[in-house]
Amino acid sequence: MKTSRVVFLLLITLLISCIEARYKLHGGKNTSMGQHYKRPLFASTNTNAVMTLNNFEKGDGGGPSECDGEYHSNNLLIVALSSRWYNHGQRCLKYINIYYNDASTQAMVVDECSGCGDDIVDASSAVWVALGVSRSDWGETGITWSDT
C-alpha cells in the first residue's frame, strides 16, 4: 500500500512538471494568433517548404490578394501559398503555423502564389521578423508549415 502511494505521488509530480514545462516553453504566454513561440517537440503534420519574401502592398506591380481582393500591409503576418496548397481558395483567410529553426508563428493565408513552384510559402516581412530570421538570410529559406 505504501509503495502504491509513492508511485502515485511520483506520477502526479511528473504530470505537474510536464504541465509547467509546457507553460514555460511558451514563455508563459497565450500562443494564439500572431504570437510566436517555441516549436513543439512532436509535430507530425508539418510540410517542408521554401519561404520567400513577398510584398503585399499596392505599388509593387502585383495585384490585390486573391482571397479578399485587397492589398495588405507588410506589417501583418500574412502569406500566399503555392497553388496546390492554396487549393482553389480552401485555405483563404485561415491561419497556418510556420516553423523556422526553434521558432514558429501563425500567419493568415490571403493570396495564391500562382507563378511560384509547388513548395512555396510567400511571406510578408512581418513573418520573417516574427520567426527571427536574420536579415542577411531574407529572400528564401527552408521552413516547415502546418494547418492550425
N, C-alpha and C. Protein backbone atom coordinates (compact mmCIF):
# COMPACT_ATOMS: atom_id res chain seq x y z
N MET A 1 0.83 -1.19 0.00
CA MET A 1 0.00 0.00 0.00
C MET A 1 0.88 1.25 0.00
N LYS A 2 1.96 1.23 0.80
CA LYS A 2 2.84 2.38 0.87
C LYS A 2 3.54 2.60 -0.46
N THR A 3 3.93 1.53 -1.13
CA THR A 3 4.59 1.63 -2.42
C THR A 3 3.67 2.24 -3.47
N SER A 4 2.40 1.87 -3.47
CA SER A 4 1.46 2.41 -4.45
C SER A 4 1.24 3.91 -4.24
N ARG A 5 1.28 4.36 -2.99
CA ARG A 5 1.15 5.81 -2.71
C ARG A 5 2.37 6.56 -3.25
N VAL A 6 3.53 5.99 -3.06
CA VAL A 6 4.77 6.63 -3.55
C VAL A 6 4.73 6.72 -5.08
N VAL A 7 4.34 5.65 -5.73
CA VAL A 7 4.25 5.64 -7.19
C VAL A 7 3.22 6.67 -7.66
N PHE A 8 2.09 6.71 -6.99
CA PHE A 8 1.04 7.67 -7.33
C PHE A 8 1.56 9.11 -7.19
N LEU A 9 2.24 9.41 -6.11
CA LEU A 9 2.77 10.75 -5.91
C LEU A 9 3.84 11.10 -6.95
N LEU A 10 4.65 10.13 -7.32
CA LEU A 10 5.65 10.35 -8.36
C LEU A 10 4.99 10.67 -9.71
N LEU A 11 3.93 9.94 -10.03
CA LEU A 11 3.22 10.19 -11.28
C LEU A 11 2.57 11.58 -11.29
N ILE A 12 1.99 11.98 -10.18
CA ILE A 12 1.38 13.31 -10.08
C ILE A 12 2.45 14.38 -10.22
N THR A 13 3.59 14.19 -9.57
CA THR A 13 4.69 15.14 -9.65
C THR A 13 5.19 15.26 -11.09
N LEU A 14 5.31 14.13 -11.79
CA LEU A 14 5.73 14.12 -13.18
C LEU A 14 4.73 14.86 -14.06
N LEU A 15 3.46 14.63 -13.86
CA LEU A 15 2.41 15.30 -14.62
C LEU A 15 2.48 16.81 -14.43
N ILE A 16 2.62 17.26 -13.20
CA ILE A 16 2.71 18.69 -12.90
C ILE A 16 3.96 19.28 -13.55
N SER A 17 5.06 18.56 -13.50
CA SER A 17 6.30 19.03 -14.12
C SER A 17 6.13 19.20 -15.63
N CYS A 18 5.43 18.26 -16.26
CA CYS A 18 5.20 18.36 -17.70
C CYS A 18 4.34 19.57 -18.04
N ILE A 19 3.32 19.81 -17.26
CA ILE A 19 2.46 20.98 -17.48
C ILE A 19 3.25 22.26 -17.31
N GLU A 20 4.05 22.35 -16.26
CA GLU A 20 4.87 23.54 -16.03
C GLU A 20 5.88 23.73 -17.16
N ALA A 21 6.49 22.65 -17.62
CA ALA A 21 7.48 22.76 -18.70
C ALA A 21 6.82 23.26 -19.98
N ARG A 22 5.63 22.79 -20.29
CA ARG A 22 4.92 23.26 -21.48
C ARG A 22 4.59 24.74 -21.36
N TYR A 23 4.16 25.16 -20.19
CA TYR A 23 3.84 26.57 -19.95
C TYR A 23 5.09 27.42 -20.14
N LYS A 24 6.22 26.97 -19.58
CA LYS A 24 7.47 27.72 -19.72
C LYS A 24 7.97 27.71 -21.15
N LEU A 25 7.74 26.62 -21.88
CA LEU A 25 8.15 26.52 -23.28
C LEU A 25 7.51 27.62 -24.11
N HIS A 26 6.29 27.98 -23.76
CA HIS A 26 5.57 29.03 -24.46
C HIS A 26 5.76 30.39 -23.80
N GLY A 27 6.73 30.50 -22.92
CA GLY A 27 7.03 31.78 -22.29
C GLY A 27 5.95 32.25 -21.34
N GLY A 28 5.09 31.36 -20.91
CA GLY A 28 4.01 31.73 -20.01
C GLY A 28 2.98 32.62 -20.69
N LYS A 29 2.96 32.59 -22.03
CA LYS A 29 2.06 33.48 -22.77
C LYS A 29 1.03 32.68 -23.53
N ASN A 30 -0.03 33.38 -23.88
CA ASN A 30 -1.04 32.84 -24.77
C ASN A 30 -0.40 32.71 -26.15
N THR A 31 -0.48 31.54 -26.77
CA THR A 31 0.17 31.33 -28.06
C THR A 31 -0.84 31.46 -29.20
N SER A 32 -1.84 32.30 -29.02
CA SER A 32 -2.84 32.45 -30.07
C SER A 32 -2.31 33.30 -31.21
N MET A 33 -3.15 33.55 -32.16
CA MET A 33 -2.84 34.25 -33.40
C MET A 33 -1.77 35.33 -33.28
N GLY A 34 -0.77 35.20 -34.14
CA GLY A 34 0.21 36.25 -34.28
C GLY A 34 1.34 36.27 -33.27
N GLN A 35 1.29 35.45 -32.24
CA GLN A 35 2.40 35.41 -31.29
C GLN A 35 3.30 34.24 -31.65
N HIS A 36 4.60 34.45 -31.54
CA HIS A 36 5.50 33.35 -31.87
C HIS A 36 5.89 32.63 -30.59
N TYR A 37 6.26 31.38 -30.74
CA TYR A 37 6.58 30.54 -29.60
C TYR A 37 7.52 29.44 -30.04
N LYS A 38 8.06 28.72 -29.09
CA LYS A 38 8.99 27.63 -29.39
C LYS A 38 8.27 26.51 -30.15
N ARG A 39 9.00 25.86 -31.02
CA ARG A 39 8.45 24.78 -31.82
C ARG A 39 8.15 23.57 -30.95
N PRO A 40 6.98 22.96 -31.12
CA PRO A 40 6.67 21.76 -30.35
C PRO A 40 7.65 20.64 -30.68
N LEU A 41 7.92 19.80 -29.71
CA LEU A 41 8.86 18.72 -29.93
C LEU A 41 8.32 17.68 -30.89
N PHE A 42 7.02 17.42 -30.86
CA PHE A 42 6.43 16.41 -31.72
C PHE A 42 5.41 17.08 -32.63
N ALA A 43 5.80 17.32 -33.89
CA ALA A 43 4.89 17.94 -34.86
C ALA A 43 4.84 17.03 -36.07
N SER A 44 3.85 16.17 -36.12
CA SER A 44 3.81 15.14 -37.15
C SER A 44 3.19 15.59 -38.46
N THR A 45 2.52 16.72 -38.50
CA THR A 45 1.82 17.11 -39.72
C THR A 45 2.51 18.26 -40.45
N ASN A 46 3.78 18.50 -40.17
CA ASN A 46 4.49 19.60 -40.83
C ASN A 46 4.87 19.24 -42.25
N THR A 47 4.82 20.24 -43.11
CA THR A 47 5.16 20.08 -44.52
C THR A 47 6.39 20.93 -44.83
N ASN A 48 7.39 20.34 -45.48
CA ASN A 48 8.58 21.09 -45.87
C ASN A 48 8.23 22.08 -46.97
N ALA A 49 8.83 23.27 -46.91
CA ALA A 49 8.56 24.31 -47.90
C ALA A 49 9.74 25.26 -47.98
N VAL A 50 9.69 26.12 -49.00
CA VAL A 50 10.63 27.22 -49.13
C VAL A 50 9.84 28.50 -48.88
N MET A 51 10.31 29.29 -47.91
CA MET A 51 9.66 30.56 -47.64
C MET A 51 10.37 31.65 -48.45
N THR A 52 9.58 32.43 -49.17
CA THR A 52 10.12 33.55 -49.94
C THR A 52 9.51 34.84 -49.40
N LEU A 53 10.15 35.95 -49.73
CA LEU A 53 9.72 37.26 -49.26
C LEU A 53 8.80 37.90 -50.29
N ASN A 54 7.61 38.33 -49.86
CA ASN A 54 6.63 38.93 -50.75
C ASN A 54 6.23 40.31 -50.26
N ASN A 55 5.88 41.17 -51.20
CA ASN A 55 5.33 42.49 -50.89
C ASN A 55 3.84 42.45 -51.19
N PHE A 56 3.01 42.64 -50.19
CA PHE A 56 1.56 42.59 -50.35
C PHE A 56 0.94 43.97 -50.50
N GLU A 57 1.77 45.01 -50.50
CA GLU A 57 1.27 46.38 -50.57
C GLU A 57 1.09 46.83 -52.01
N LYS A 58 0.19 47.78 -52.22
CA LYS A 58 -0.07 48.32 -53.54
C LYS A 58 1.16 49.05 -54.05
N GLY A 59 1.43 48.90 -55.34
CA GLY A 59 2.53 49.63 -55.95
C GLY A 59 3.74 48.79 -56.27
N ASP A 60 3.73 47.51 -55.93
CA ASP A 60 4.89 46.66 -56.24
C ASP A 60 4.74 45.97 -57.59
N GLY A 61 3.67 46.25 -58.28
CA GLY A 61 3.43 45.62 -59.57
C GLY A 61 2.49 44.43 -59.49
N GLY A 62 2.29 43.90 -58.31
CA GLY A 62 1.37 42.78 -58.13
C GLY A 62 -0.05 43.28 -57.92
N GLY A 63 -0.99 42.39 -58.10
CA GLY A 63 -2.39 42.75 -57.91
C GLY A 63 -2.84 42.53 -56.49
N PRO A 64 -4.10 42.82 -56.23
CA PRO A 64 -4.65 42.59 -54.89
C PRO A 64 -4.71 41.09 -54.58
N SER A 65 -4.84 40.76 -53.33
CA SER A 65 -4.88 39.38 -52.88
C SER A 65 -6.11 38.65 -53.42
N GLU A 66 -5.92 37.38 -53.74
CA GLU A 66 -7.00 36.56 -54.28
C GLU A 66 -8.15 36.36 -53.29
N CYS A 67 -7.83 36.24 -52.01
CA CYS A 67 -8.86 35.88 -51.04
C CYS A 67 -9.89 36.98 -50.79
N ASP A 68 -9.44 38.22 -50.79
CA ASP A 68 -10.37 39.31 -50.45
C ASP A 68 -10.32 40.49 -51.40
N GLY A 69 -9.48 40.42 -52.44
CA GLY A 69 -9.40 41.50 -53.41
C GLY A 69 -8.77 42.77 -52.86
N GLU A 70 -8.04 42.65 -51.76
CA GLU A 70 -7.43 43.82 -51.10
C GLU A 70 -5.92 43.73 -51.12
N TYR A 71 -5.27 44.89 -50.98
CA TYR A 71 -3.85 44.95 -50.70
C TYR A 71 -3.69 44.91 -49.19
N HIS A 72 -2.53 44.46 -48.70
CA HIS A 72 -2.32 44.33 -47.27
C HIS A 72 -0.97 44.91 -46.87
N SER A 73 -0.90 45.37 -45.64
CA SER A 73 0.35 45.88 -45.09
C SER A 73 1.35 44.75 -44.88
N ASN A 74 2.61 45.01 -45.19
CA ASN A 74 3.66 44.02 -44.94
C ASN A 74 3.94 43.86 -43.45
N ASN A 75 3.32 44.70 -42.62
CA ASN A 75 3.47 44.59 -41.16
C ASN A 75 2.52 43.54 -40.58
N LEU A 76 1.68 42.96 -41.41
CA LEU A 76 0.76 41.91 -40.96
C LEU A 76 1.39 40.54 -41.21
N LEU A 77 1.03 39.58 -40.36
CA LEU A 77 1.50 38.20 -40.51
C LEU A 77 0.63 37.50 -41.55
N ILE A 78 1.04 37.61 -42.83
CA ILE A 78 0.25 37.08 -43.93
C ILE A 78 1.14 36.35 -44.92
N VAL A 79 0.52 35.43 -45.68
CA VAL A 79 1.25 34.65 -46.68
C VAL A 79 0.40 34.41 -47.92
N ALA A 80 1.10 34.07 -49.00
CA ALA A 80 0.49 33.50 -50.20
C ALA A 80 1.05 32.09 -50.32
N LEU A 81 0.23 31.14 -50.72
CA LEU A 81 0.66 29.75 -50.84
C LEU A 81 0.71 29.32 -52.30
N SER A 82 1.61 28.39 -52.60
CA SER A 82 1.64 27.76 -53.92
C SER A 82 0.25 27.26 -54.26
N SER A 83 -0.05 27.21 -55.55
CA SER A 83 -1.41 26.85 -56.00
C SER A 83 -1.92 25.55 -55.40
N ARG A 84 -1.07 24.51 -55.32
CA ARG A 84 -1.55 23.22 -54.80
C ARG A 84 -1.92 23.31 -53.33
N TRP A 85 -1.23 24.15 -52.56
CA TRP A 85 -1.57 24.31 -51.15
C TRP A 85 -2.70 25.32 -50.95
N TYR A 86 -2.77 26.29 -51.83
CA TYR A 86 -3.87 27.26 -51.80
C TYR A 86 -5.19 26.54 -52.05
N ASN A 87 -5.12 25.52 -52.91
CA ASN A 87 -6.23 24.58 -53.13
C ASN A 87 -7.54 25.27 -53.50
N HIS A 88 -7.49 26.09 -54.53
CA HIS A 88 -8.69 26.78 -55.03
C HIS A 88 -9.37 27.62 -53.96
N GLY A 89 -8.58 28.20 -53.07
CA GLY A 89 -9.13 29.09 -52.04
C GLY A 89 -9.57 28.39 -50.77
N GLN A 90 -9.34 27.09 -50.64
CA GLN A 90 -9.78 26.36 -49.45
C GLN A 90 -9.11 26.86 -48.16
N ARG A 91 -7.92 27.47 -48.29
CA ARG A 91 -7.22 27.99 -47.11
C ARG A 91 -7.36 29.51 -46.96
N CYS A 92 -8.16 30.13 -47.81
CA CYS A 92 -8.34 31.58 -47.75
C CYS A 92 -8.75 32.06 -46.36
N LEU A 93 -8.02 33.07 -45.89
CA LEU A 93 -8.28 33.75 -44.63
C LEU A 93 -8.19 32.82 -43.42
N LYS A 94 -7.55 31.67 -43.60
CA LYS A 94 -7.28 30.74 -42.49
C LYS A 94 -5.82 30.89 -42.10
N TYR A 95 -5.51 30.51 -40.88
CA TYR A 95 -4.15 30.62 -40.37
C TYR A 95 -3.38 29.32 -40.55
N ILE A 96 -2.09 29.46 -40.80
CA ILE A 96 -1.19 28.32 -40.83
C ILE A 96 -0.09 28.57 -39.79
N ASN A 97 0.50 27.49 -39.31
CA ASN A 97 1.68 27.58 -38.44
C ASN A 97 2.91 27.50 -39.33
N ILE A 98 3.88 28.37 -39.06
CA ILE A 98 5.14 28.35 -39.81
C ILE A 98 6.26 28.13 -38.82
N TYR A 99 7.15 27.17 -39.11
CA TYR A 99 8.25 26.82 -38.22
C TYR A 99 9.58 27.08 -38.90
N TYR A 100 10.47 27.76 -38.19
CA TYR A 100 11.82 28.03 -38.67
C TYR A 100 12.77 27.85 -37.50
N ASN A 101 13.71 26.93 -37.62
CA ASN A 101 14.61 26.58 -36.52
C ASN A 101 13.79 26.29 -35.27
N ASP A 102 14.00 27.01 -34.18
CA ASP A 102 13.25 26.75 -32.95
C ASP A 102 12.11 27.73 -32.72
N ALA A 103 11.74 28.48 -33.74
CA ALA A 103 10.68 29.47 -33.60
C ALA A 103 9.50 29.12 -34.50
N SER A 104 8.35 29.65 -34.15
CA SER A 104 7.18 29.49 -35.01
C SER A 104 6.26 30.68 -34.84
N THR A 105 5.40 30.85 -35.80
CA THR A 105 4.40 31.91 -35.76
C THR A 105 3.19 31.44 -36.55
N GLN A 106 2.12 32.16 -36.44
CA GLN A 106 0.94 31.89 -37.25
C GLN A 106 0.75 33.05 -38.21
N ALA A 107 0.34 32.73 -39.44
CA ALA A 107 0.09 33.75 -40.45
C ALA A 107 -1.18 33.40 -41.22
N MET A 108 -1.87 34.44 -41.67
CA MET A 108 -3.11 34.25 -42.41
C MET A 108 -2.82 34.11 -43.91
N VAL A 109 -3.47 33.15 -44.54
CA VAL A 109 -3.37 32.98 -45.99
C VAL A 109 -4.30 34.00 -46.65
N VAL A 110 -3.70 34.88 -47.48
CA VAL A 110 -4.50 35.91 -48.15
C VAL A 110 -4.40 35.84 -49.66
N ASP A 111 -3.50 34.99 -50.18
CA ASP A 111 -3.27 35.01 -51.62
C ASP A 111 -2.76 33.67 -52.12
N GLU A 112 -2.88 33.49 -53.43
CA GLU A 112 -2.31 32.35 -54.12
C GLU A 112 -1.04 32.81 -54.82
N CYS A 113 0.00 32.02 -54.73
CA CYS A 113 1.25 32.31 -55.43
C CYS A 113 1.26 31.45 -56.69
N SER A 114 0.47 31.87 -57.69
CA SER A 114 0.24 31.05 -58.87
C SER A 114 1.46 30.91 -59.76
N GLY A 115 2.38 31.87 -59.72
CA GLY A 115 3.58 31.78 -60.54
C GLY A 115 4.75 31.12 -59.82
N CYS A 116 4.50 30.64 -58.63
CA CYS A 116 5.57 30.04 -57.80
C CYS A 116 5.66 28.54 -58.04
N GLY A 117 6.71 27.95 -57.52
CA GLY A 117 6.85 26.50 -57.55
C GLY A 117 5.81 25.84 -56.66
N ASP A 118 5.88 24.53 -56.55
CA ASP A 118 4.89 23.76 -55.78
C ASP A 118 5.11 23.78 -54.28
N ASP A 119 6.22 24.35 -53.81
CA ASP A 119 6.55 24.24 -52.39
C ASP A 119 6.84 25.60 -51.75
N ILE A 120 6.11 26.63 -52.17
CA ILE A 120 6.40 27.99 -51.72
C ILE A 120 5.37 28.51 -50.71
N VAL A 121 5.89 29.10 -49.64
CA VAL A 121 5.11 29.92 -48.72
C VAL A 121 5.70 31.32 -48.87
N ASP A 122 4.97 32.19 -49.54
CA ASP A 122 5.43 33.53 -49.87
C ASP A 122 4.96 34.46 -48.75
N ALA A 123 5.88 34.94 -47.93
CA ALA A 123 5.52 35.59 -46.66
C ALA A 123 5.85 37.08 -46.64
N SER A 124 5.07 37.82 -45.86
CA SER A 124 5.33 39.24 -45.63
C SER A 124 6.57 39.39 -44.76
N SER A 125 7.12 40.59 -44.74
CA SER A 125 8.29 40.85 -43.91
C SER A 125 7.99 40.64 -42.43
N ALA A 126 6.74 40.84 -42.02
CA ALA A 126 6.37 40.63 -40.61
C ALA A 126 6.57 39.18 -40.20
N VAL A 127 6.33 38.24 -41.10
CA VAL A 127 6.54 36.82 -40.80
C VAL A 127 8.02 36.54 -40.59
N TRP A 128 8.86 37.11 -41.45
CA TRP A 128 10.31 36.92 -41.33
C TRP A 128 10.80 37.46 -39.99
N VAL A 129 10.28 38.61 -39.59
CA VAL A 129 10.66 39.21 -38.31
C VAL A 129 10.18 38.33 -37.16
N ALA A 130 8.93 37.89 -37.21
CA ALA A 130 8.36 37.06 -36.14
C ALA A 130 9.13 35.77 -35.93
N LEU A 131 9.68 35.23 -37.01
CA LEU A 131 10.45 33.98 -36.91
C LEU A 131 11.91 34.22 -36.53
N GLY A 132 12.30 35.48 -36.45
CA GLY A 132 13.67 35.80 -36.05
C GLY A 132 14.71 35.46 -37.10
N VAL A 133 14.31 35.48 -38.38
CA VAL A 133 15.25 35.19 -39.45
C VAL A 133 16.19 36.39 -39.61
N SER A 134 17.48 36.12 -39.61
CA SER A 134 18.47 37.17 -39.78
C SER A 134 18.25 37.88 -41.11
N ARG A 135 18.35 39.20 -41.11
CA ARG A 135 18.13 39.99 -42.34
C ARG A 135 19.00 39.50 -43.49
N SER A 136 20.19 39.03 -43.18
CA SER A 136 21.10 38.55 -44.23
C SER A 136 20.56 37.29 -44.90
N ASP A 137 19.61 36.59 -44.26
CA ASP A 137 19.02 35.38 -44.82
C ASP A 137 17.67 35.62 -45.48
N TRP A 138 17.20 36.87 -45.47
CA TRP A 138 15.89 37.18 -46.06
C TRP A 138 15.92 36.95 -47.57
N GLY A 139 14.82 36.49 -48.09
CA GLY A 139 14.67 36.25 -49.51
C GLY A 139 14.15 34.86 -49.77
N GLU A 140 14.87 33.87 -49.27
CA GLU A 140 14.49 32.48 -49.46
C GLU A 140 15.15 31.62 -48.39
N THR A 141 14.34 30.81 -47.70
CA THR A 141 14.88 29.93 -46.68
C THR A 141 13.95 28.73 -46.49
N GLY A 142 14.49 27.64 -45.98
CA GLY A 142 13.71 26.44 -45.72
C GLY A 142 12.90 26.57 -44.44
N ILE A 143 11.66 26.12 -44.48
CA ILE A 143 10.76 26.13 -43.33
C ILE A 143 9.93 24.85 -43.36
N THR A 144 9.11 24.68 -42.35
CA THR A 144 8.01 23.72 -42.39
C THR A 144 6.76 24.48 -41.99
N TRP A 145 5.62 23.96 -42.38
CA TRP A 145 4.35 24.61 -42.02
C TRP A 145 3.27 23.56 -41.83
N SER A 146 2.20 23.98 -41.16
CA SER A 146 1.06 23.10 -40.96
C SER A 146 -0.20 23.95 -40.81
N ASP A 147 -1.34 23.33 -41.01
CA ASP A 147 -2.61 24.00 -40.74
C ASP A 147 -2.75 24.16 -39.24
N THR A 148 -3.50 25.16 -38.81
CA THR A 148 -3.71 25.36 -37.37
C THR A 148 -4.80 24.45 -36.88
